[in-house]
Amino acid sequence: MAINMAQKRAKKAQRRKQVLAEKRRAELLEKGLPARVLRAAQAPIQGCFVTEALFEIGIGTLILARGATSNHVTFGSFLIDVFCLGIKNVTFDSVEGDVFEMYLNVSDASSPLVSVEPSYARKLLRDLAAWSGSIGFAPHRDLAAVERIFGDISADANDVVFQFGHDGKPLYIPGPNDTPALVRQRIAQLQNRLGDAGFGYAAAA
């Protein structure tokens, strides 16, 4: 009898542990990036911007902001290289409206931004990810989650055709934080994929 009671208590304790573990997992998912992005995607769009000279300089920023009002916005920001590497970095944040304005002003001061249709921006991200992936450069790990901030905006609603690369082929320009080892690795990858004549290389200014 004592053994049976002990076994029952052990089973109850195990069930409680399982329930608590499932609750913790649910809470983590609720606070996780994908869930936060999906909640943000329900709010009205407050602005969509991209670096104006993106296709001339090769690298720039794409930003989509949402919020019930402009006083507080949640936004996704994408650092993109249309010459070679694709979507290099992705961030997601929620800030007061004046902080977001400062962020836009800083971005605009270094490389002027222009307002674009959200469908254009989403198509740019999707087409660029596909193109850079075809030459071996996967997009930033958070792209799939943060791109959902576009919600029901369809990339297919825009028929623009993007020309990636430079003069018809990828052009790799190392960033200021690229180590010599990383530069060599990327050049070797491009050589293996495209051959010596299939891409360009320019040292960072």
C-alpha atoms as a PDB file:
ATOM      1  CA  MET A   1       0.000   0.000   0.000  1.00  0.00           C
ATOM      2  CA  ALA A   2       2.801   2.400   0.932  1.00  0.00           C
ATOM      3  CA  ILE A   3       4.549   1.595  -2.355  1.00  0.00           C
ATOM      4  CA  ASN A   4       1.385   2.360  -4.358  1.00  0.00           C
ATOM      5  CA  MET A   5       0.943   5.719  -2.593  1.00  0.00           C
ATOM      6  CA  ALA A   6       4.560   6.621  -3.284  1.00  0.00           C
ATOM      7  CA  GLN A   7       4.146   5.699  -6.930  1.00  0.00           C
ATOM      8  CA  LYS A   8       0.996   7.845  -7.202  1.00  0.00           C
ATOM      9  CA  ARG A   9       2.748  10.801  -5.595  1.00  0.00           C
ATOM     10  CA  ALA A  10       5.697  10.381  -7.964  1.00  0.00           C
ATOM     11  CA  LYS A  11       3.365  10.291 -10.990  1.00  0.00           C
ATOM     12  CA  LYS A  12       1.566  13.423  -9.781  1.00  0.00           C
ATOM     13  CA  ALA A  13       4.875  15.212  -9.276  1.00  0.00           C
ATOM     14  CA  GLN A  14       5.978  14.174 -12.769  1.00  0.00           C
ATOM     15  CA  ARG A  15       2.719  15.468 -14.287  1.00  0.00           C
ATOM     16  CA  ARG A  16       3.140  18.783 -12.465  1.00  0.00           C
ATOM     17  CA  LYS A  17       6.669  19.077 -13.856  1.00  0.00           C
ATOM     18  CA  GLN A  18       5.407  18.392 -17.360  1.00  0.00           C
ATOM     19  CA  VAL A  19       2.616  20.978 -17.028  1.00  0.00           C
ATOM     20  CA  LEU A  20       5.056  23.592 -15.719  1.00  0.00           C
ATOM     21  CA  ALA A  21       7.567  22.822 -18.477  1.00  0.00           C
ATOM     22  CA  GLU A  22       4.871  23.193 -21.158  1.00  0.00           C
ATOM     23  CA  LYS A  23       3.737  26.466 -19.597  1.00  0.00           C
ATOM     24  CA  ARG A  24       7.307  27.801 -19.619  1.00  0.00           C
ATOM     25  CA  ARG A  25       7.732  26.793 -23.259  1.00  0.00           C
ATOM     26  CA  ALA A  26       4.488  28.572 -24.162  1.00  0.00           C
ATOM     27  CA  GLU A  27       5.609  31.705 -22.317  1.00  0.00           C
ATOM     28  CA  LEU A  28       8.962  31.675 -24.110  1.00  0.00           C
ATOM     29  CA  LEU A  29       7.242  31.307 -27.466  1.00  0.00           C
ATOM     30  CA  GLU A  30       4.897  34.179 -26.609  1.00  0.00           C
ATOM     31  CA  LYS A  31       7.879  36.401 -25.794  1.00  0.00           C
ATOM     32  CA  GLY A  32       9.989  35.118 -28.693  1.00  0.00           C
ATOM     33  CA  LEU A  33      10.841  37.045 -31.828  1.00  0.00           C
ATOM     34  CA  PRO A  34       8.344  35.367 -34.219  1.00  0.00           C
ATOM     35  CA  ALA A  35       5.411  36.022 -31.878  1.00  0.00           C
ATOM     36  CA  ARG A  36       6.439  39.642 -31.292  1.00  0.00           C
ATOM     37  CA  VAL A  37       6.737  40.244 -35.030  1.00  0.00           C
ATOM     38  CA  LEU A  38       3.339  38.716 -35.746  1.00  0.00           C
ATOM     39  CA  ARG A  39       1.734  40.967 -33.116  1.00  0.00           C
ATOM     40  CA  ALA A  40       3.451  44.005 -34.602  1.00  0.00           C
ATOM     41  CA  ALA A  41       2.178  43.079 -38.077  1.00  0.00           C
ATOM     42  CA  GLN A  42      -1.404  43.753 -36.935  1.00  0.00           C
ATOM     43  CA  ALA A  43      -0.742  47.488 -36.472  1.00  0.00           C
ATOM     44  CA  PRO A  44      -1.031  50.131 -39.225  1.00  0.00           C
ATOM     45  CA  ILE A  45       2.064  50.909 -41.283  1.00  0.00           C
ATOM     46  CA  GLN A  46       3.761  54.141 -40.206  1.00  0.00           C
ATOM     47  CA  GLY A  47       6.445  54.202 -42.876  1.00  0.00           C
ATOM     48  CA  CYS A  48       8.534  52.178 -45.303  1.00  0.00           C
ATOM     49  CA  PHE A  49      11.948  53.419 -46.405  1.00  0.00           C
ATOM     50  CA  VAL A  50      14.986  52.311 -48.357  1.00  0.00           C
ATOM     51  CA  THR A  51      18.359  53.876 -49.095  1.00  0.00           C
ATOM     52  CA  GLU A  52      17.808  56.072 -52.151  1.00  0.00           C
ATOM     53  CA  ALA A  53      21.115  55.260 -53.871  1.00  0.00           C
ATOM     54  CA  LEU A  54      20.975  51.567 -52.983  1.00  0.00           C
ATOM     55  CA  PHE A  55      21.600  50.290 -56.496  1.00  0.00           C
ATOM     56  CA  GLU A  56      24.390  52.800 -57.098  1.00  0.00           C
ATOM     57  CA  ILE A  57      26.412  52.208 -53.922  1.00  0.00           C
ATOM     58  CA  GLY A  58      25.442  48.564 -53.475  1.00  0.00           C
ATOM     59  CA  ILE A  59      24.597  48.591 -49.786  1.00  0.00           C
ATOM     60  CA  GLY A  60      21.874  50.250 -47.762  1.00  0.00           C
ATOM     61  CA  THR A  61      19.023  49.926 -45.320  1.00  0.00           C
ATOM     62  CA  LEU A  62      15.384  48.943 -45.696  1.00  0.00           C
ATOM     63  CA  ILE A  63      12.990  49.825 -42.871  1.00  0.00           C
ATOM     64  CA  LEU A  64       9.322  49.031 -42.252  1.00  0.00           C
ATOM     65  CA  ALA A  65       7.610  50.588 -39.225  1.00  0.00           C
ATOM     66  CA  ARG A  66       4.192  49.858 -37.746  1.00  0.00           C
ATOM     67  CA  GLY A  67       2.227  51.263 -34.827  1.00  0.00           C
ATOM     68  CA  ALA A  68      -1.253  52.166 -33.684  1.00  0.00           C
ATOM     69  CA  THR A  69      -0.008  55.772 -33.803  1.00  0.00           C
ATOM     70  CA  SER A  70       3.278  57.427 -34.683  1.00  0.00           C
ATOM     71  CA  ASN A  71       3.961  57.946 -30.961  1.00  0.00           C
ATOM     72  CA  HIS A  72       5.246  54.411 -30.520  1.00  0.00           C
ATOM     73  CA  VAL A  73       6.409  52.193 -33.363  1.00  0.00           C
ATOM     74  CA  THR A  74       7.773  48.722 -33.892  1.00  0.00           C
ATOM     75  CA  PHE A  75      10.049  48.301 -36.850  1.00  0.00           C
ATOM     76  CA  GLY A  76      12.141  45.859 -38.800  1.00  0.00           C
ATOM     77  CA  SER A  77      15.425  47.075 -40.247  1.00  0.00           C
ATOM     78  CA  PHE A  78      17.343  45.161 -42.917  1.00  0.00           C
ATOM     79  CA  LEU A  79      20.950  45.849 -43.933  1.00  0.00           C
ATOM     80  CA  ILE A  80      21.162  44.742 -47.556  1.00  0.00           C
ATOM     81  CA  ASP A  81      23.951  44.308 -50.098  1.00  0.00           C
ATOM     82  CA  VAL A  82      22.474  44.240 -53.597  1.00  0.00           C
ATOM     83  CA  PHE A  83      25.888  43.767 -55.230  1.00  0.00           C
ATOM     84  CA  CYS A  84      26.724  40.410 -53.640  1.00  0.00           C
ATOM     85  CA  LEU A  85      26.009  39.332 -50.081  1.00  0.00           C
ATOM     86  CA  GLY A  86      22.253  39.857 -49.913  1.00  0.00           C
ATOM     87  CA  ILE A  87      20.622  40.414 -46.526  1.00  0.00           C
ATOM     88  CA  LYS A  88      23.528  40.938 -44.145  1.00  0.00           C
ATOM     89  CA  ASN A  89      21.756  41.937 -40.944  1.00  0.00           C
ATOM     90  CA  VAL A  90      18.232  42.112 -39.548  1.00  0.00           C
ATOM     91  CA  THR A  91      17.017  43.922 -36.425  1.00  0.00           C
ATOM     92  CA  PHE A  92      13.614  44.266 -34.796  1.00  0.00           C
ATOM     93  CA  ASP A  93      12.783  46.862 -32.157  1.00  0.00           C
ATOM     94  CA  SER A  94       9.971  48.742 -30.465  1.00  0.00           C
ATOM     95  CA  VAL A  95      10.597  52.378 -29.548  1.00  0.00           C
ATOM     96  CA  GLU A  96       8.965  55.715 -28.854  1.00  0.00           C
ATOM     97  CA  GLY A  97       8.192  57.820 -31.916  1.00  0.00           C
ATOM     98  CA  ASP A  98      10.859  60.417 -31.228  1.00  0.00           C
ATOM     99  CA  VAL A  99      13.530  57.709 -30.872  1.00  0.00           C
ATOM    100  CA  PHE A 100      12.473  56.266 -34.207  1.00  0.00           C
ATOM    101  CA  GLU A 101      12.677  59.712 -35.803  1.00  0.00           C
ATOM    102  CA  MET A 102      16.233  60.074 -34.505  1.00  0.00           C
ATOM    103  CA  TYR A 103      17.073  56.653 -35.922  1.00  0.00           C
ATOM    104  CA  LEU A 104      15.708  57.694 -39.319  1.00  0.00           C
ATOM    105  CA  ASN A 105      17.591  60.981 -39.194  1.00  0.00           C
ATOM    106  CA  VAL A 106      20.895  59.236 -38.444  1.00  0.00           C
ATOM    107  CA  SER A 107      20.317  56.748 -41.253  1.00  0.00           C
ATOM    108  CA  ASP A 108      19.269  59.503 -43.635  1.00  0.00           C
ATOM    109  CA  ALA A 109      22.317  61.621 -42.811  1.00  0.00           C
ATOM    110  CA  SER A 110      24.761  58.890 -43.826  1.00  0.00           C
ATOM    111  CA  SER A 111      22.772  57.636 -46.836  1.00  0.00           C
ATOM    112  CA  PRO A 112      19.523  59.450 -47.703  1.00  0.00           C
ATOM    113  CA  LEU A 113      16.360  57.405 -47.434  1.00  0.00           C
ATOM    114  CA  VAL A 114      13.348  57.469 -49.709  1.00  0.00           C
ATOM    115  CA  SER A 115       9.799  56.327 -48.982  1.00  0.00           C
ATOM    116  CA  VAL A 116       8.679  53.263 -50.962  1.00  0.00           C
ATOM    117  CA  GLU A 117       5.619  51.074 -51.259  1.00  0.00           C
ATOM    118  CA  PRO A 118       5.694  48.179 -48.765  1.00  0.00           C
ATOM    119  CA  SER A 119       5.054  45.716 -51.606  1.00  0.00           C
ATOM    120  CA  TYR A 120       8.200  47.009 -53.348  1.00  0.00           C
ATOM    121  CA  ALA A 121      10.208  46.559 -50.146  1.00  0.00           C
ATOM    122  CA  ARG A 122       8.963  43.024 -49.540  1.00  0.00           C
ATOM    123  CA  LYS A 123       9.660  42.015 -53.142  1.00  0.00           C
ATOM    124  CA  LEU A 124      13.148  43.485 -52.853  1.00  0.00           C
ATOM    125  CA  LEU A 125      13.865  41.378 -49.764  1.00  0.00           C
ATOM    126  CA  ARG A 126      12.492  38.177 -51.254  1.00  0.00           C
ATOM    127  CA  ASP A 127      14.156  38.569 -54.651  1.00  0.00           C
ATOM    128  CA  LEU A 128      17.477  39.542 -53.090  1.00  0.00           C
ATOM    129  CA  ALA A 129      17.426  36.580 -50.695  1.00  0.00           C
ATOM    130  CA  ALA A 130      16.795  34.231 -53.628  1.00  0.00           C
ATOM    131  CA  TRP A 131      19.531  35.787 -55.781  1.00  0.00           C
ATOM    132  CA  SER A 132      22.232  35.911 -53.106  1.00  0.00           C
ATOM    133  CA  GLY A 133      21.279  32.411 -52.007  1.00  0.00           C
ATOM    134  CA  SER A 134      21.890  31.189 -55.563  1.00  0.00           C
ATOM    135  CA  ILE A 135      25.542  32.253 -55.255  1.00  0.00           C
ATOM    136  CA  GLY A 136      25.965  30.756 -51.813  1.00  0.00           C
ATOM    137  CA  PHE A 137      25.147  33.589 -49.408  1.00  0.00           C
ATOM    138  CA  ALA A 138      22.262  32.750 -47.103  1.00  0.00           C
ATOM    139  CA  PRO A 139      20.258  35.639 -45.650  1.00  0.00           C
ATOM    140  CA  HIS A 140      20.591  36.646 -42.014  1.00  0.00           C
ATOM    141  CA  ARG A 141      19.121  34.046 -39.666  1.00  0.00           C
ATOM    142  CA  ASP A 142      16.334  36.394 -38.460  1.00  0.00           C
ATOM    143  CA  LEU A 143      15.018  37.279 -41.911  1.00  0.00           C
ATOM    144  CA  ALA A 144      12.250  34.660 -41.935  1.00  0.00           C
ATOM    145  CA  ALA A 145      10.882  35.885 -38.603  1.00  0.00           C
ATOM    146  CA  VAL A 146      11.231  39.642 -39.042  1.00  0.00           C
ATOM    147  CA  GLU A 147      10.054  39.731 -42.674  1.00  0.00           C
ATOM    148  CA  ARG A 148       6.632  38.762 -41.335  1.00  0.00           C
ATOM    149  CA  ILE A 149       6.227  42.335 -40.096  1.00  0.00           C
ATOM    150  CA  PHE A 150       4.968  42.972 -43.634  1.00  0.00           C
ATOM    151  CA  GLY A 151       1.867  40.982 -42.664  1.00  0.00           C
ATOM    152  CA  ASP A 152      -0.556  40.583 -45.564  1.00  0.00           C
ATOM    153  CA  ILE A 153       1.409  42.907 -47.866  1.00  0.00           C
ATOM    154  CA  SER A 154       2.068  40.869 -51.012  1.00  0.00           C
ATOM    155  CA  ALA A 155       5.385  41.005 -52.836  1.00  0.00           C
ATOM    156  CA  ASP A 156       3.468  39.982 -55.952  1.00  0.00           C
ATOM    157  CA  ALA A 157       1.531  43.262 -55.862  1.00  0.00           C
ATOM    158  CA  ASN A 158       4.618  44.960 -57.313  1.00  0.00           C
ATOM    159  CA  ASP A 159       5.979  44.031 -60.731  1.00  0.00           C
ATOM    160  CA  VAL A 160       9.363  45.771 -60.474  1.00  0.00           C
ATOM    161  CA  VAL A 161      12.295  43.730 -61.790  1.00  0.00           C
ATOM    162  CA  PHE A 162      15.477  44.164 -59.769  1.00  0.00           C
ATOM    163  CA  GLN A 163      18.945  43.917 -61.274  1.00  0.00           C
ATOM    164  CA  PHE A 164      21.331  42.661 -58.619  1.00  0.00           C
ATOM    165  CA  GLY A 165      25.103  42.632 -58.873  1.00  0.00           C
ATOM    166  CA  HIS A 166      27.171  45.221 -60.721  1.00  0.00           C
ATOM    167  CA  ASP A 167      27.636  45.268 -64.503  1.00  0.00           C
ATOM    168  CA  GLY A 168      25.851  41.950 -64.771  1.00  0.00           C
ATOM    169  CA  LYS A 169      27.718  39.956 -62.127  1.00  0.00           C
ATOM    170  CA  PRO A 170      28.248  39.879 -58.354  1.00  0.00           C
ATOM    171  CA  LEU A 171      30.662  42.433 -56.963  1.00  0.00           C
ATOM    172  CA  TYR A 172      32.110  41.645 -53.556  1.00  0.00           C
ATOM    173  CA  ILE A 173      33.125  44.683 -51.520  1.00  0.00           C
ATOM    174  CA  PRO A 174      34.351  43.645 -48.044  1.00  0.00           C
ATOM    175  CA  GLY A 175      32.833  45.484 -45.104  1.00  0.00           C
ATOM    176  CA  PRO A 176      34.908  47.265 -42.464  1.00  0.00           C
ATOM    177  CA  ASN A 177      34.462  44.375 -40.039  1.00  0.00           C
ATOM    178  CA  ASP A 178      35.309  41.583 -42.489  1.00  0.00           C
ATOM    179  CA  THR A 179      38.462  39.798 -41.365  1.00  0.00           C
ATOM    180  CA  PRO A 180      41.116  38.773 -43.927  1.00  0.00           C
ATOM    181  CA  ALA A 181      40.125  35.139 -43.339  1.00  0.00           C
ATOM    182  CA  LEU A 182      36.460  35.897 -44.065  1.00  0.00           C
ATOM    183  CA  VAL A 183      37.386  37.839 -47.210  1.00  0.00           C
ATOM    184  CA  ARG A 184      39.449  34.906 -48.476  1.00  0.00           C
ATOM    185  CA  GLN A 185      36.627  32.496 -47.673  1.00  0.00           C
ATOM    186  CA  ARG A 186      34.060  34.521 -49.596  1.00  0.00           C
ATOM    187  CA  ILE A 187      36.319  35.009 -52.593  1.00  0.00           C
ATOM    188  CA  ALA A 188      36.995  31.265 -52.679  1.00  0.00           C
ATOM    189  CA  GLN A 189      33.253  30.603 -52.506  1.00  0.00           C
ATOM    190  CA  LEU A 190      32.595  32.930 -55.441  1.00  0.00           C
ATOM    191  CA  GLN A 191      35.413  31.336 -57.426  1.00  0.00           C
ATOM    192  CA  ASN A 192      33.994  27.874 -56.812  1.00  0.00           C
ATOM    193  CA  ARG A 193      30.493  28.949 -57.814  1.00  0.00           C
ATOM    194  CA  LEU A 194      31.206  31.345 -60.671  1.00  0.00           C
ATOM    195  CA  GLY A 195      34.814  30.984 -61.750  1.00  0.00           C
ATOM    196  CA  ASP A 196      37.433  33.723 -61.678  1.00  0.00           C
ATOM    197  CA  ALA A 197      35.676  35.798 -64.335  1.00  0.00           C
ATOM    198  CA  GLY A 198      32.177  35.362 -62.933  1.00  0.00           C
ATOM    199  CA  PHE A 199      32.382  38.009 -60.231  1.00  0.00           C
ATOM    200  CA  GLY A 200      34.135  41.246 -59.320  1.00  0.00           C
ATOM    201  CA  TYR A 201      36.071  42.270 -56.245  1.00  0.00           C
ATOM    202  CA  ALA A 202      36.758  45.748 -54.931  1.00  0.00           C
ATOM    203  CA  ALA A 203      38.657  46.575 -51.761  1.00  0.00           C
ATOM    204  CA  ALA A 204      36.690  48.613 -49.251  1.00  0.00           C
ATOM    205  CA  ALA A 205      37.295  52.341 -49.479  1.00  0.00           C
END
